[in-house]
Amino acid sequence: MIHKVEFHCHTLFSKDSLAPLEGVLAACQRKGIDRLVITDHNTIAAAGPARQLAPEQFIIGEEIMTSQGELLAFFVEEEVPPKLIPEEAINRLRSQGAFISVSHPFDRYRSGHWEEADLLEIMPLVDAIEVFNARCMLADFNQQAQAFAREHALAGTVGSDAHAAFEIGRAVLSLPEFHDARGLREALLSAKQQTRLSSPWVHFTSRYAVWYKKRRGIS
């Protein structure tokens, strides 16, 4: 069975998102997305509520800011804190059987981008890199990631990087059903991308979320 999967999505548990899990679930159902990975910044706080709400819909992940750049992890059971060196963060993820990708590696407009030398160092330790991120302001950033993945025979993930429910589905993979990191590695061999860039205006939704939470004293 082929599933349509969203691999990069934030919820209100990220400091720069106000998207409730119920709204995320409704967007998935409306857009025909079979599974969605919740990748909140440096937290898996959504894990409990997501499993109660729709355990078959949601996969628990995390977007982790390391000392060099951001990692994406899927099938996370234990939260990995930010600012660790990449090797330590990867070791913690490996010990719990997570799948590891690399967030928007060449997007120089974001603090979480990677220098190529640092990316080359961790390349043997990760499963994939994000070859398309719908929130990249320039298509060149995604093209660089695609070229890097091809050159180094790396698998690629794509993601909408949604911070609001309406962004969900901008970048998804259609691939065979999977249930864990090992199954995902196999499924990616036949994955097909469906991608389109988001409008630059979507970045204002995350800026507004940061402002709103700070004003309301919400951490």
N, C-alpha and C. Protein backbone atom coordinates (compact mmCIF):
# COMPACT_ATOMS: atom_id res chain seq x y z
N MET A 1 0.84 -1.19 0.00
CA MET A 1 0.00 0.00 0.00
C MET A 1 0.88 1.25 0.00
N ILE A 2 0.57 2.21 -0.85
CA ILE A 2 1.32 3.45 -0.93
C ILE A 2 0.69 4.50 0.00
N HIS A 3 1.54 5.13 0.80
CA HIS A 3 1.08 6.16 1.72
C HIS A 3 1.68 7.51 1.35
N LYS A 4 0.90 8.55 1.55
CA LYS A 4 1.41 9.91 1.39
C LYS A 4 1.81 10.41 2.78
N VAL A 5 3.08 10.84 2.92
CA VAL A 5 3.61 11.15 4.25
C VAL A 5 4.24 12.55 4.26
N GLU A 6 3.90 13.29 5.29
CA GLU A 6 4.49 14.60 5.58
C GLU A 6 5.57 14.40 6.64
N PHE A 7 6.82 14.77 6.34
CA PHE A 7 7.94 14.45 7.22
C PHE A 7 8.48 15.61 8.04
N HIS A 8 7.91 16.80 7.93
CA HIS A 8 8.48 17.93 8.66
C HIS A 8 7.36 18.90 8.99
N CYS A 9 6.90 18.87 10.25
CA CYS A 9 5.75 19.68 10.66
C CYS A 9 5.88 20.08 12.12
N HIS A 10 5.56 21.34 12.40
CA HIS A 10 5.61 21.86 13.76
C HIS A 10 4.20 22.07 14.30
N THR A 11 4.09 22.03 15.61
CA THR A 11 2.82 22.24 16.28
C THR A 11 3.00 23.30 17.36
N LEU A 12 1.95 23.56 18.12
CA LEU A 12 2.03 24.57 19.17
C LEU A 12 3.07 24.25 20.23
N PHE A 13 3.64 23.05 20.19
CA PHE A 13 4.71 22.72 21.13
C PHE A 13 6.06 23.28 20.68
N SER A 14 6.13 23.84 19.48
CA SER A 14 7.29 24.60 19.05
C SER A 14 7.06 26.07 19.40
N LYS A 15 8.14 26.77 19.73
CA LYS A 15 8.01 28.18 20.15
C LYS A 15 7.49 29.07 19.03
N ASP A 16 7.64 28.64 17.77
CA ASP A 16 7.27 29.48 16.64
C ASP A 16 6.07 28.93 15.87
N SER A 17 5.20 28.22 16.56
CA SER A 17 3.99 27.70 15.93
C SER A 17 2.82 27.77 16.90
N LEU A 18 1.65 28.01 16.35
CA LEU A 18 0.41 28.00 17.13
C LEU A 18 -0.53 26.89 16.67
N ALA A 19 -0.04 25.98 15.84
CA ALA A 19 -0.90 24.95 15.24
C ALA A 19 -1.29 23.89 16.27
N PRO A 20 -2.58 23.77 16.59
CA PRO A 20 -3.01 22.72 17.53
C PRO A 20 -3.02 21.37 16.83
N LEU A 21 -2.84 20.32 17.59
CA LEU A 21 -2.83 18.97 17.02
C LEU A 21 -4.15 18.66 16.30
N GLU A 22 -5.24 19.15 16.84
CA GLU A 22 -6.53 18.90 16.19
C GLU A 22 -6.57 19.55 14.80
N GLY A 23 -5.99 20.74 14.67
CA GLY A 23 -5.95 21.40 13.38
C GLY A 23 -5.03 20.69 12.40
N VAL A 24 -3.91 20.18 12.91
CA VAL A 24 -2.98 19.42 12.08
C VAL A 24 -3.66 18.14 11.58
N LEU A 25 -4.36 17.46 12.47
CA LEU A 25 -5.07 16.23 12.08
C LEU A 25 -6.13 16.52 11.04
N ALA A 26 -6.88 17.59 11.23
CA ALA A 26 -7.93 17.95 10.27
C ALA A 26 -7.33 18.26 8.90
N ALA A 27 -6.18 18.93 8.88
CA ALA A 27 -5.52 19.24 7.61
C ALA A 27 -5.08 17.96 6.91
N CYS A 28 -4.56 17.01 7.66
CA CYS A 28 -4.16 15.73 7.08
C CYS A 28 -5.35 15.02 6.44
N GLN A 29 -6.44 14.98 7.16
CA GLN A 29 -7.63 14.30 6.65
C GLN A 29 -8.18 15.00 5.42
N ARG A 30 -8.14 16.32 5.42
CA ARG A 30 -8.66 17.10 4.29
C ARG A 30 -7.78 16.95 3.05
N LYS A 31 -6.46 16.79 3.25
CA LYS A 31 -5.51 16.76 2.14
C LYS A 31 -5.05 15.36 1.76
N GLY A 32 -5.62 14.35 2.40
CA GLY A 32 -5.30 12.98 2.04
C GLY A 32 -3.90 12.54 2.45
N ILE A 33 -3.42 13.07 3.55
CA ILE A 33 -2.10 12.69 4.06
C ILE A 33 -2.27 11.55 5.06
N ASP A 34 -1.64 10.43 4.78
CA ASP A 34 -1.84 9.22 5.58
C ASP A 34 -1.10 9.26 6.90
N ARG A 35 0.11 9.80 6.89
CA ARG A 35 0.89 9.88 8.12
C ARG A 35 1.65 11.20 8.14
N LEU A 36 1.91 11.69 9.33
CA LEU A 36 2.63 12.96 9.49
C LEU A 36 3.60 12.83 10.65
N VAL A 37 4.84 13.28 10.42
CA VAL A 37 5.85 13.28 11.47
C VAL A 37 5.85 14.64 12.15
N ILE A 38 5.62 14.65 13.44
CA ILE A 38 5.69 15.88 14.23
C ILE A 38 7.15 16.12 14.59
N THR A 39 7.69 17.25 14.13
CA THR A 39 9.12 17.53 14.35
C THR A 39 9.26 18.88 15.03
N ASP A 40 8.75 18.99 16.25
CA ASP A 40 8.87 20.24 16.99
C ASP A 40 10.32 20.50 17.36
N HIS A 41 10.62 21.78 17.57
CA HIS A 41 11.98 22.19 17.88
C HIS A 41 12.41 21.69 19.26
N ASN A 42 13.39 20.80 19.29
CA ASN A 42 14.05 20.38 20.52
C ASN A 42 13.11 19.84 21.59
N THR A 43 12.02 19.23 21.15
CA THR A 43 11.09 18.65 22.13
C THR A 43 10.23 17.58 21.48
N ILE A 44 9.82 16.62 22.30
CA ILE A 44 8.81 15.64 21.87
C ILE A 44 7.59 15.76 22.79
N ALA A 45 7.33 16.97 23.25
CA ALA A 45 6.21 17.20 24.17
C ALA A 45 4.87 16.84 23.55
N ALA A 46 4.79 16.83 22.23
CA ALA A 46 3.53 16.48 21.57
C ALA A 46 3.27 14.98 21.58
N ALA A 47 4.24 14.19 22.00
CA ALA A 47 4.13 12.73 21.87
C ALA A 47 2.88 12.18 22.56
N GLY A 48 2.72 12.52 23.82
CA GLY A 48 1.58 11.99 24.56
C GLY A 48 0.24 12.40 23.97
N PRO A 49 0.01 13.72 23.79
CA PRO A 49 -1.25 14.15 23.20
C PRO A 49 -1.49 13.58 21.80
N ALA A 50 -0.44 13.48 20.99
CA ALA A 50 -0.60 12.96 19.63
C ALA A 50 -1.01 11.49 19.65
N ARG A 51 -0.43 10.72 20.54
CA ARG A 51 -0.77 9.29 20.62
C ARG A 51 -2.19 9.11 21.13
N GLN A 52 -2.64 9.99 21.99
CA GLN A 52 -4.02 9.90 22.46
C GLN A 52 -5.01 10.30 21.37
N LEU A 53 -4.64 11.30 20.59
CA LEU A 53 -5.54 11.84 19.59
C LEU A 53 -5.64 10.95 18.36
N ALA A 54 -4.47 10.54 17.81
CA ALA A 54 -4.48 9.78 16.55
C ALA A 54 -3.17 9.02 16.40
N PRO A 55 -3.00 7.91 17.14
CA PRO A 55 -1.73 7.19 17.12
C PRO A 55 -1.35 6.63 15.76
N GLU A 56 -2.32 6.34 14.91
CA GLU A 56 -2.01 5.79 13.59
C GLU A 56 -1.66 6.89 12.58
N GLN A 57 -1.99 8.12 12.91
CA GLN A 57 -1.73 9.24 11.99
C GLN A 57 -0.35 9.86 12.22
N PHE A 58 0.00 9.99 13.51
CA PHE A 58 1.19 10.74 13.87
C PHE A 58 2.39 9.85 14.16
N ILE A 59 3.56 10.29 13.70
CA ILE A 59 4.85 9.71 14.06
C ILE A 59 5.58 10.77 14.87
N ILE A 60 6.18 10.36 15.98
CA ILE A 60 6.87 11.33 16.83
C ILE A 60 8.30 11.52 16.34
N GLY A 61 8.63 12.77 16.08
CA GLY A 61 9.97 13.14 15.67
C GLY A 61 10.45 14.34 16.46
N GLU A 62 11.55 14.90 16.03
CA GLU A 62 12.12 16.08 16.69
C GLU A 62 13.07 16.77 15.71
N GLU A 63 13.05 18.09 15.72
CA GLU A 63 14.06 18.86 14.99
C GLU A 63 15.02 19.40 16.03
N ILE A 64 16.27 18.98 15.94
CA ILE A 64 17.24 19.22 17.01
C ILE A 64 18.32 20.18 16.53
N MET A 65 18.50 21.26 17.27
CA MET A 65 19.57 22.20 16.96
C MET A 65 20.85 21.71 17.64
N THR A 66 21.80 21.28 16.83
CA THR A 66 23.10 20.88 17.37
C THR A 66 24.04 22.10 17.36
N SER A 67 25.27 21.89 17.75
CA SER A 67 26.24 22.98 17.75
C SER A 67 26.65 23.39 16.34
N GLN A 68 26.29 22.59 15.32
CA GLN A 68 26.68 22.88 13.94
C GLN A 68 25.52 23.15 13.00
N GLY A 69 24.37 22.59 13.27
CA GLY A 69 23.21 22.73 12.40
C GLY A 69 22.08 21.87 12.93
N GLU A 70 20.96 21.85 12.21
CA GLU A 70 19.79 21.13 12.69
C GLU A 70 19.68 19.74 12.08
N LEU A 71 19.25 18.81 12.92
CA LEU A 71 18.94 17.45 12.50
C LEU A 71 17.43 17.23 12.58
N LEU A 72 16.94 16.37 11.71
CA LEU A 72 15.57 15.88 11.78
C LEU A 72 15.62 14.42 12.20
N ALA A 73 14.78 14.05 13.14
CA ALA A 73 14.74 12.65 13.56
C ALA A 73 13.30 12.17 13.61
N PHE A 74 13.09 10.93 13.18
CA PHE A 74 11.77 10.32 13.15
C PHE A 74 11.79 9.06 14.02
N PHE A 75 10.66 8.71 14.60
CA PHE A 75 10.54 7.59 15.54
C PHE A 75 11.42 7.84 16.77
N VAL A 76 11.21 9.00 17.36
CA VAL A 76 11.95 9.39 18.57
C VAL A 76 11.14 9.00 19.80
N GLU A 77 11.80 8.36 20.74
CA GLU A 77 11.15 7.96 21.99
C GLU A 77 11.67 8.77 23.17
N GLU A 78 12.89 9.25 23.08
CA GLU A 78 13.50 10.01 24.17
C GLU A 78 14.04 11.32 23.61
N GLU A 79 13.61 12.41 24.21
CA GLU A 79 13.99 13.74 23.71
C GLU A 79 15.50 13.95 23.75
N VAL A 80 16.00 14.56 22.69
CA VAL A 80 17.42 14.91 22.61
C VAL A 80 17.55 16.42 22.79
N PRO A 81 18.35 16.87 23.75
CA PRO A 81 18.44 18.32 24.01
C PRO A 81 19.22 19.05 22.93
N PRO A 82 19.03 20.36 22.83
CA PRO A 82 19.76 21.14 21.83
C PRO A 82 21.20 21.41 22.24
N LYS A 83 21.99 21.87 21.25
CA LYS A 83 23.34 22.39 21.43
C LYS A 83 24.39 21.33 21.71
N LEU A 84 24.03 20.05 21.56
CA LEU A 84 25.04 19.01 21.63
C LEU A 84 25.86 19.02 20.35
N ILE A 85 27.07 18.49 20.39
CA ILE A 85 27.80 18.33 19.14
C ILE A 85 27.04 17.30 18.30
N PRO A 86 27.10 17.40 16.98
CA PRO A 86 26.30 16.51 16.15
C PRO A 86 26.49 15.03 16.45
N GLU A 87 27.73 14.61 16.67
CA GLU A 87 28.00 13.19 16.92
C GLU A 87 27.29 12.70 18.17
N GLU A 88 27.23 13.53 19.21
CA GLU A 88 26.55 13.12 20.44
C GLU A 88 25.04 13.03 20.22
N ALA A 89 24.48 14.02 19.52
CA ALA A 89 23.04 13.98 19.23
C ALA A 89 22.70 12.75 18.40
N ILE A 90 23.53 12.45 17.40
CA ILE A 90 23.29 11.29 16.54
C ILE A 90 23.40 9.99 17.35
N ASN A 91 24.38 9.91 18.24
CA ASN A 91 24.52 8.71 19.08
C ASN A 91 23.28 8.49 19.93
N ARG A 92 22.73 9.56 20.49
CA ARG A 92 21.53 9.44 21.32
C ARG A 92 20.33 8.99 20.49
N LEU A 93 20.26 9.47 19.28
CA LEU A 93 19.17 9.05 18.40
C LEU A 93 19.34 7.60 17.96
N ARG A 94 20.55 7.22 17.61
CA ARG A 94 20.82 5.84 17.20
C ARG A 94 20.48 4.86 18.32
N SER A 95 20.78 5.24 19.55
CA SER A 95 20.56 4.32 20.68
C SER A 95 19.09 4.00 20.88
N GLN A 96 18.19 4.84 20.35
CA GLN A 96 16.75 4.58 20.48
C GLN A 96 16.13 4.16 19.16
N GLY A 97 16.95 3.89 18.17
CA GLY A 97 16.45 3.36 16.91
C GLY A 97 15.76 4.37 16.02
N ALA A 98 16.13 5.64 16.12
CA ALA A 98 15.49 6.68 15.31
C ALA A 98 16.09 6.73 13.91
N PHE A 99 15.32 7.28 13.00
CA PHE A 99 15.78 7.58 11.64
C PHE A 99 16.28 9.02 11.66
N ILE A 100 17.44 9.27 11.03
CA ILE A 100 18.07 10.59 11.13
C ILE A 100 18.22 11.21 9.74
N SER A 101 17.67 12.39 9.58
CA SER A 101 17.87 13.20 8.38
C SER A 101 18.48 14.53 8.80
N VAL A 102 18.72 15.41 7.85
CA VAL A 102 19.36 16.70 8.12
C VAL A 102 18.46 17.80 7.58
N SER A 103 18.09 18.74 8.43
CA SER A 103 17.16 19.79 8.04
C SER A 103 17.79 20.79 7.07
N HIS A 104 17.03 21.14 6.01
CA HIS A 104 17.39 22.25 5.09
C HIS A 104 18.89 22.58 5.13
N PRO A 105 19.76 21.65 4.74
CA PRO A 105 21.19 21.78 5.03
C PRO A 105 21.88 22.99 4.41
N PHE A 106 21.39 23.49 3.27
CA PHE A 106 22.10 24.56 2.57
C PHE A 106 21.35 25.90 2.59
N ASP A 107 20.31 25.99 3.42
CA ASP A 107 19.52 27.23 3.50
C ASP A 107 20.24 28.24 4.39
N ARG A 108 20.99 29.13 3.78
CA ARG A 108 21.82 30.06 4.53
C ARG A 108 21.04 31.20 5.16
N TYR A 109 19.75 31.25 4.92
CA TYR A 109 18.92 32.25 5.59
C TYR A 109 18.46 31.78 6.97
N ARG A 110 18.83 30.56 7.34
CA ARG A 110 18.40 30.01 8.63
C ARG A 110 19.60 29.69 9.51
N SER A 111 19.41 29.85 10.80
CA SER A 111 20.50 29.58 11.75
C SER A 111 20.84 28.10 11.80
N GLY A 112 19.94 27.24 11.34
CA GLY A 112 20.17 25.80 11.42
C GLY A 112 20.83 25.20 10.20
N HIS A 113 21.36 26.02 9.27
CA HIS A 113 21.99 25.45 8.09
C HIS A 113 23.36 24.88 8.44
N TRP A 114 23.91 24.10 7.52
CA TRP A 114 25.18 23.41 7.75
C TRP A 114 26.27 23.94 6.82
N GLU A 115 27.48 24.05 7.36
CA GLU A 115 28.64 24.25 6.50
C GLU A 115 28.94 22.90 5.84
N GLU A 116 29.35 22.93 4.58
CA GLU A 116 29.53 21.67 3.86
C GLU A 116 30.56 20.76 4.53
N ALA A 117 31.61 21.33 5.09
CA ALA A 117 32.62 20.51 5.75
C ALA A 117 32.03 19.75 6.93
N ASP A 118 31.17 20.42 7.70
CA ASP A 118 30.52 19.76 8.84
C ASP A 118 29.54 18.69 8.36
N LEU A 119 28.86 18.98 7.26
CA LEU A 119 27.91 18.01 6.71
C LEU A 119 28.65 16.76 6.22
N LEU A 120 29.78 16.95 5.61
CA LEU A 120 30.57 15.80 5.14
C LEU A 120 31.02 14.92 6.31
N GLU A 121 31.30 15.53 7.45
CA GLU A 121 31.74 14.75 8.61
C GLU A 121 30.65 13.83 9.13
N ILE A 122 29.41 14.29 9.11
CA ILE A 122 28.33 13.46 9.68
C ILE A 122 27.66 12.59 8.62
N MET A 123 28.00 12.79 7.37
CA MET A 123 27.33 12.07 6.29
C MET A 123 27.28 10.56 6.51
N PRO A 124 28.39 9.91 6.96
CA PRO A 124 28.31 8.46 7.17
C PRO A 124 27.42 8.06 8.35
N LEU A 125 27.01 9.03 9.16
CA LEU A 125 26.29 8.71 10.40
C LEU A 125 24.78 8.90 10.29
N VAL A 126 24.31 9.52 9.19
CA VAL A 126 22.88 9.81 9.06
C VAL A 126 22.27 8.93 7.97
N ASP A 127 20.95 8.89 7.96
CA ASP A 127 20.22 8.07 6.98
C ASP A 127 19.89 8.84 5.71
N ALA A 128 19.75 10.17 5.81
CA ALA A 128 19.25 10.95 4.69
C ALA A 128 19.54 12.42 4.94
N ILE A 129 19.30 13.24 3.91
CA ILE A 129 19.23 14.68 4.11
C ILE A 129 17.92 15.18 3.51
N GLU A 130 17.47 16.31 3.99
CA GLU A 130 16.25 16.91 3.47
C GLU A 130 16.59 17.59 2.14
N VAL A 131 16.11 17.02 1.05
CA VAL A 131 16.47 17.52 -0.28
C VAL A 131 15.48 18.56 -0.79
N PHE A 132 14.36 18.71 -0.11
CA PHE A 132 13.41 19.77 -0.46
C PHE A 132 12.70 20.21 0.81
N ASN A 133 12.76 21.52 1.07
CA ASN A 133 12.05 22.12 2.19
C ASN A 133 11.21 23.26 1.62
N ALA A 134 9.90 23.18 1.81
CA ALA A 134 8.99 24.13 1.17
C ALA A 134 9.17 25.55 1.68
N ARG A 135 9.81 25.73 2.82
CA ARG A 135 9.99 27.07 3.38
C ARG A 135 11.31 27.72 2.94
N CYS A 136 12.10 27.05 2.13
CA CYS A 136 13.31 27.69 1.62
C CYS A 136 12.92 28.89 0.76
N MET A 137 13.58 30.00 1.00
CA MET A 137 13.26 31.23 0.26
C MET A 137 13.76 31.17 -1.18
N LEU A 138 14.83 30.43 -1.41
CA LEU A 138 15.40 30.32 -2.74
C LEU A 138 15.42 28.87 -3.18
N ALA A 139 15.01 28.61 -4.41
CA ALA A 139 15.02 27.24 -4.94
C ALA A 139 16.44 26.68 -4.98
N ASP A 140 17.44 27.55 -5.10
CA ASP A 140 18.84 27.09 -5.16
C ASP A 140 19.22 26.26 -3.94
N PHE A 141 18.67 26.61 -2.77
CA PHE A 141 19.03 25.88 -1.56
C PHE A 141 18.61 24.41 -1.66
N ASN A 142 17.42 24.18 -2.18
CA ASN A 142 16.95 22.81 -2.37
C ASN A 142 17.72 22.10 -3.49
N GLN A 143 18.05 22.83 -4.53
CA GLN A 143 18.81 22.23 -5.63
C GLN A 143 20.20 21.79 -5.16
N GLN A 144 20.81 22.59 -4.29
CA GLN A 144 22.10 22.20 -3.72
C GLN A 144 21.97 20.90 -2.92
N ALA A 145 20.90 20.80 -2.14
CA ALA A 145 20.69 19.60 -1.32
C ALA A 145 20.46 18.39 -2.20
N GLN A 146 19.67 18.54 -3.26
CA GLN A 146 19.43 17.44 -4.20
C GLN A 146 20.75 16.98 -4.83
N ALA A 147 21.57 17.93 -5.26
CA ALA A 147 22.84 17.59 -5.90
C ALA A 147 23.78 16.90 -4.92
N PHE A 148 23.81 17.38 -3.68
CA PHE A 148 24.66 16.77 -2.66
C PHE A 148 24.24 15.33 -2.41
N ALA A 149 22.94 15.10 -2.29
CA ALA A 149 22.44 13.75 -2.04
C ALA A 149 22.81 12.81 -3.19
N ARG A 150 22.67 13.28 -4.42
CA ARG A 150 23.03 12.45 -5.57
C ARG A 150 24.53 12.15 -5.58
N GLU A 151 25.33 13.17 -5.33
CA GLU A 151 26.78 13.00 -5.37
C GLU A 151 27.27 11.99 -4.35
N HIS A 152 26.62 11.97 -3.19
CA HIS A 152 27.08 11.11 -2.09
C HIS A 152 26.17 9.92 -1.85
N ALA A 153 25.28 9.64 -2.80
CA ALA A 153 24.40 8.47 -2.73
C ALA A 153 23.63 8.42 -1.41
N LEU A 154 23.09 9.56 -1.02
CA LEU A 154 22.29 9.66 0.19
C LEU A 154 20.81 9.63 -0.15
N ALA A 155 20.02 9.02 0.71
CA ALA A 155 18.57 9.09 0.56
C ALA A 155 18.10 10.51 0.85
N GLY A 156 16.94 10.86 0.33
CA GLY A 156 16.40 12.20 0.54
C GLY A 156 15.02 12.19 1.15
N THR A 157 14.80 13.08 2.11
CA THR A 157 13.46 13.33 2.62
C THR A 157 13.04 14.72 2.16
N VAL A 158 11.74 14.97 2.15
CA VAL A 158 11.21 16.29 1.83
C VAL A 158 10.26 16.69 2.94
N GLY A 159 10.02 17.99 3.06
CA GLY A 159 9.11 18.41 4.10
C GLY A 159 8.53 19.78 3.86
N SER A 160 7.31 19.97 4.29
CA SER A 160 6.68 21.28 4.19
C SER A 160 7.23 22.23 5.23
N ASP A 161 7.79 21.67 6.32
CA ASP A 161 8.27 22.49 7.43
C ASP A 161 7.14 23.39 7.92
N ALA A 162 5.94 22.83 7.94
CA ALA A 162 4.75 23.60 8.28
C ALA A 162 4.79 24.10 9.71
N HIS A 163 4.48 25.39 9.88
CA HIS A 163 4.30 25.97 11.20
C HIS A 163 2.84 26.37 11.42
N ALA A 164 2.06 26.27 10.37
CA ALA A 164 0.61 26.50 10.43
C ALA A 164 -0.06 25.39 9.63
N ALA A 165 -1.26 25.03 10.01
CA ALA A 165 -1.92 23.87 9.40
C ALA A 165 -2.12 24.02 7.90
N PHE A 166 -2.32 25.24 7.41
CA PHE A 166 -2.57 25.40 5.98
C PHE A 166 -1.34 25.07 5.13
N GLU A 167 -0.14 25.04 5.74
CA GLU A 167 1.08 24.72 5.00
C GLU A 167 1.26 23.21 4.78
N ILE A 168 0.58 22.41 5.55
CA ILE A 168 0.76 20.96 5.49
C ILE A 168 0.45 20.45 4.08
N GLY A 169 1.32 19.57 3.59
CA GLY A 169 1.12 18.98 2.28
C GLY A 169 1.85 19.65 1.15
N ARG A 170 2.61 20.72 1.42
CA ARG A 170 3.36 21.38 0.36
C ARG A 170 4.49 20.50 -0.16
N ALA A 171 5.01 19.64 0.69
CA ALA A 171 6.10 18.75 0.27
C ALA A 171 5.94 17.42 0.99
N VAL A 172 5.57 16.40 0.23
CA VAL A 172 5.32 15.08 0.81
C VAL A 172 5.98 14.01 -0.05
N LEU A 173 6.11 12.84 0.53
CA LEU A 173 6.59 11.66 -0.19
C LEU A 173 5.47 10.64 -0.27
N SER A 174 5.34 10.01 -1.43
CA SER A 174 4.48 8.84 -1.58
C SER A 174 5.39 7.63 -1.61
N LEU A 175 5.18 6.72 -0.69
CA LEU A 175 6.08 5.58 -0.54
C LEU A 175 5.36 4.42 0.13
N PRO A 176 5.94 3.21 0.05
CA PRO A 176 5.28 2.05 0.66
C PRO A 176 5.13 2.22 2.18
N GLU A 177 4.15 1.55 2.72
CA GLU A 177 3.89 1.61 4.15
C GLU A 177 5.11 1.17 4.95
N PHE A 178 5.34 1.82 6.08
CA PHE A 178 6.46 1.50 6.96
C PHE A 178 6.02 1.71 8.40
N HIS A 179 6.72 1.07 9.33
CA HIS A 179 6.33 1.14 10.73
C HIS A 179 7.47 1.51 11.68
N ASP A 180 8.68 1.59 11.17
CA ASP A 180 9.82 1.94 12.01
C ASP A 180 10.93 2.49 11.12
N ALA A 181 12.06 2.82 11.74
CA ALA A 181 13.16 3.43 10.99
C ALA A 181 13.70 2.48 9.92
N ARG A 182 13.81 1.22 10.24
CA ARG A 182 14.31 0.25 9.25
C ARG A 182 13.37 0.17 8.06
N GLY A 183 12.07 0.12 8.32
CA GLY A 183 11.11 0.07 7.24
C GLY A 183 11.13 1.32 6.39
N LEU A 184 11.37 2.47 7.02
CA LEU A 184 11.45 3.73 6.28
C LEU A 184 12.66 3.73 5.36
N ARG A 185 13.79 3.23 5.84
CA ARG A 185 14.98 3.18 4.97
C ARG A 185 14.69 2.39 3.70
N GLU A 186 13.97 1.32 3.83
CA GLU A 186 13.63 0.50 2.66
C GLU A 186 12.60 1.20 1.78
N ALA A 187 11.61 1.82 2.41
CA ALA A 187 10.54 2.47 1.65
C ALA A 187 11.07 3.64 0.83
N LEU A 188 12.09 4.33 1.33
CA LEU A 188 12.63 5.49 0.62
C LEU A 188 13.23 5.12 -0.73
N LEU A 189 13.57 3.87 -0.90
CA LEU A 189 14.17 3.44 -2.17
C LEU A 189 13.21 3.62 -3.34
N SER A 190 11.91 3.62 -3.06
CA SER A 190 10.92 3.77 -4.13
C SER A 190 10.01 4.98 -3.91
N ALA A 191 10.46 5.93 -3.12
CA ALA A 191 9.64 7.09 -2.80
C ALA A 191 9.53 8.05 -3.98
N LYS A 192 8.39 8.71 -4.08
CA LYS A 192 8.17 9.73 -5.10
C LYS A 192 7.81 11.05 -4.43
N GLN A 193 8.45 12.12 -4.88
CA GLN A 193 8.24 13.44 -4.29
C GLN A 193 7.07 14.18 -4.93
N GLN A 194 6.34 14.91 -4.09
CA GLN A 194 5.35 15.87 -4.54
C GLN A 194 5.65 17.17 -3.81
N THR A 195 6.24 18.13 -4.50
CA THR A 195 6.77 19.31 -3.81
C THR A 195 6.41 20.61 -4.52
N ARG A 196 6.25 21.63 -3.73
CA ARG A 196 6.13 22.99 -4.24
C ARG A 196 6.49 23.96 -3.12
N LEU A 197 7.20 25.02 -3.48
CA LEU A 197 7.62 26.00 -2.49
C LEU A 197 6.44 26.76 -1.92
N SER A 198 6.53 27.08 -0.64
CA SER A 198 5.54 27.94 -0.02
C SER A 198 5.85 29.39 -0.33
N SER A 199 4.86 30.25 -0.19
CA SER A 199 5.08 31.68 -0.33
C SER A 199 5.99 32.17 0.80
N PRO A 200 6.86 33.14 0.51
CA PRO A 200 7.69 33.70 1.59
C PRO A 200 6.87 34.26 2.75
N TRP A 201 5.60 34.59 2.49
CA TRP A 201 4.77 35.15 3.55
C TRP A 201 4.51 34.19 4.69
N VAL A 202 4.70 32.88 4.47
CA VAL A 202 4.42 31.94 5.56
C VAL A 202 5.33 32.16 6.75
N HIS A 203 6.49 32.78 6.51
CA HIS A 203 7.42 33.01 7.62
C HIS A 203 6.83 33.99 8.65
N PHE A 204 5.88 34.80 8.22
CA PHE A 204 5.25 35.71 9.18
C PHE A 204 4.38 34.96 10.18
N THR A 205 3.88 33.78 9.81
CA THR A 205 3.08 33.01 10.78
C THR A 205 3.94 32.57 11.96
N SER A 206 5.19 32.17 11.69
CA SER A 206 6.05 31.74 12.78
C SER A 206 6.55 32.93 13.59
N ARG A 207 6.79 34.06 12.93
CA ARG A 207 7.21 35.26 13.67
C ARG A 207 6.08 35.74 14.58
N TYR A 208 4.86 35.69 14.05
CA TYR A 208 3.72 36.08 14.87
C TYR A 208 3.57 35.14 16.07
N ALA A 209 3.78 33.84 15.86
CA ALA A 209 3.66 32.88 16.96
C ALA A 209 4.67 33.19 18.06
N VAL A 210 5.90 33.51 17.68
CA VAL A 210 6.92 33.86 18.68
C VAL A 210 6.49 35.09 19.46
N TRP A 211 6.02 36.13 18.72
CA TRP A 211 5.57 37.37 19.38
C TRP A 211 4.39 37.11 20.30
N TYR A 212 3.42 36.34 19.81
CA TYR A 212 2.21 36.07 20.60
C TYR A 212 2.54 35.32 21.88
N LYS A 213 3.39 34.31 21.77
CA LYS A 213 3.72 33.51 22.96
C LYS A 213 4.53 34.32 23.97
N LYS A 214 5.40 35.18 23.47
CA LYS A 214 6.20 36.02 24.38
C LYS A 214 5.29 37.00 25.11
N ARG A 215 4.34 37.58 24.39
CA ARG A 215 3.42 38.53 25.00
C ARG A 215 2.55 37.87 26.04
N ARG A 216 2.14 36.61 25.77
CA ARG A 216 1.28 35.89 26.71
C ARG A 216 2.06 35.12 27.77
N GLY A 217 3.38 35.17 27.71
CA GLY A 217 4.19 34.45 28.67
C GLY A 217 4.14 32.95 28.50
N ILE A 218 3.94 32.51 27.24
CA ILE A 218 3.88 31.08 26.96
C ILE A 218 5.25 30.60 26.52
N SER A 219 5.77 29.59 27.15
CA SER A 219 7.11 29.11 26.82
C SER A 219 7.03 28.11 25.68
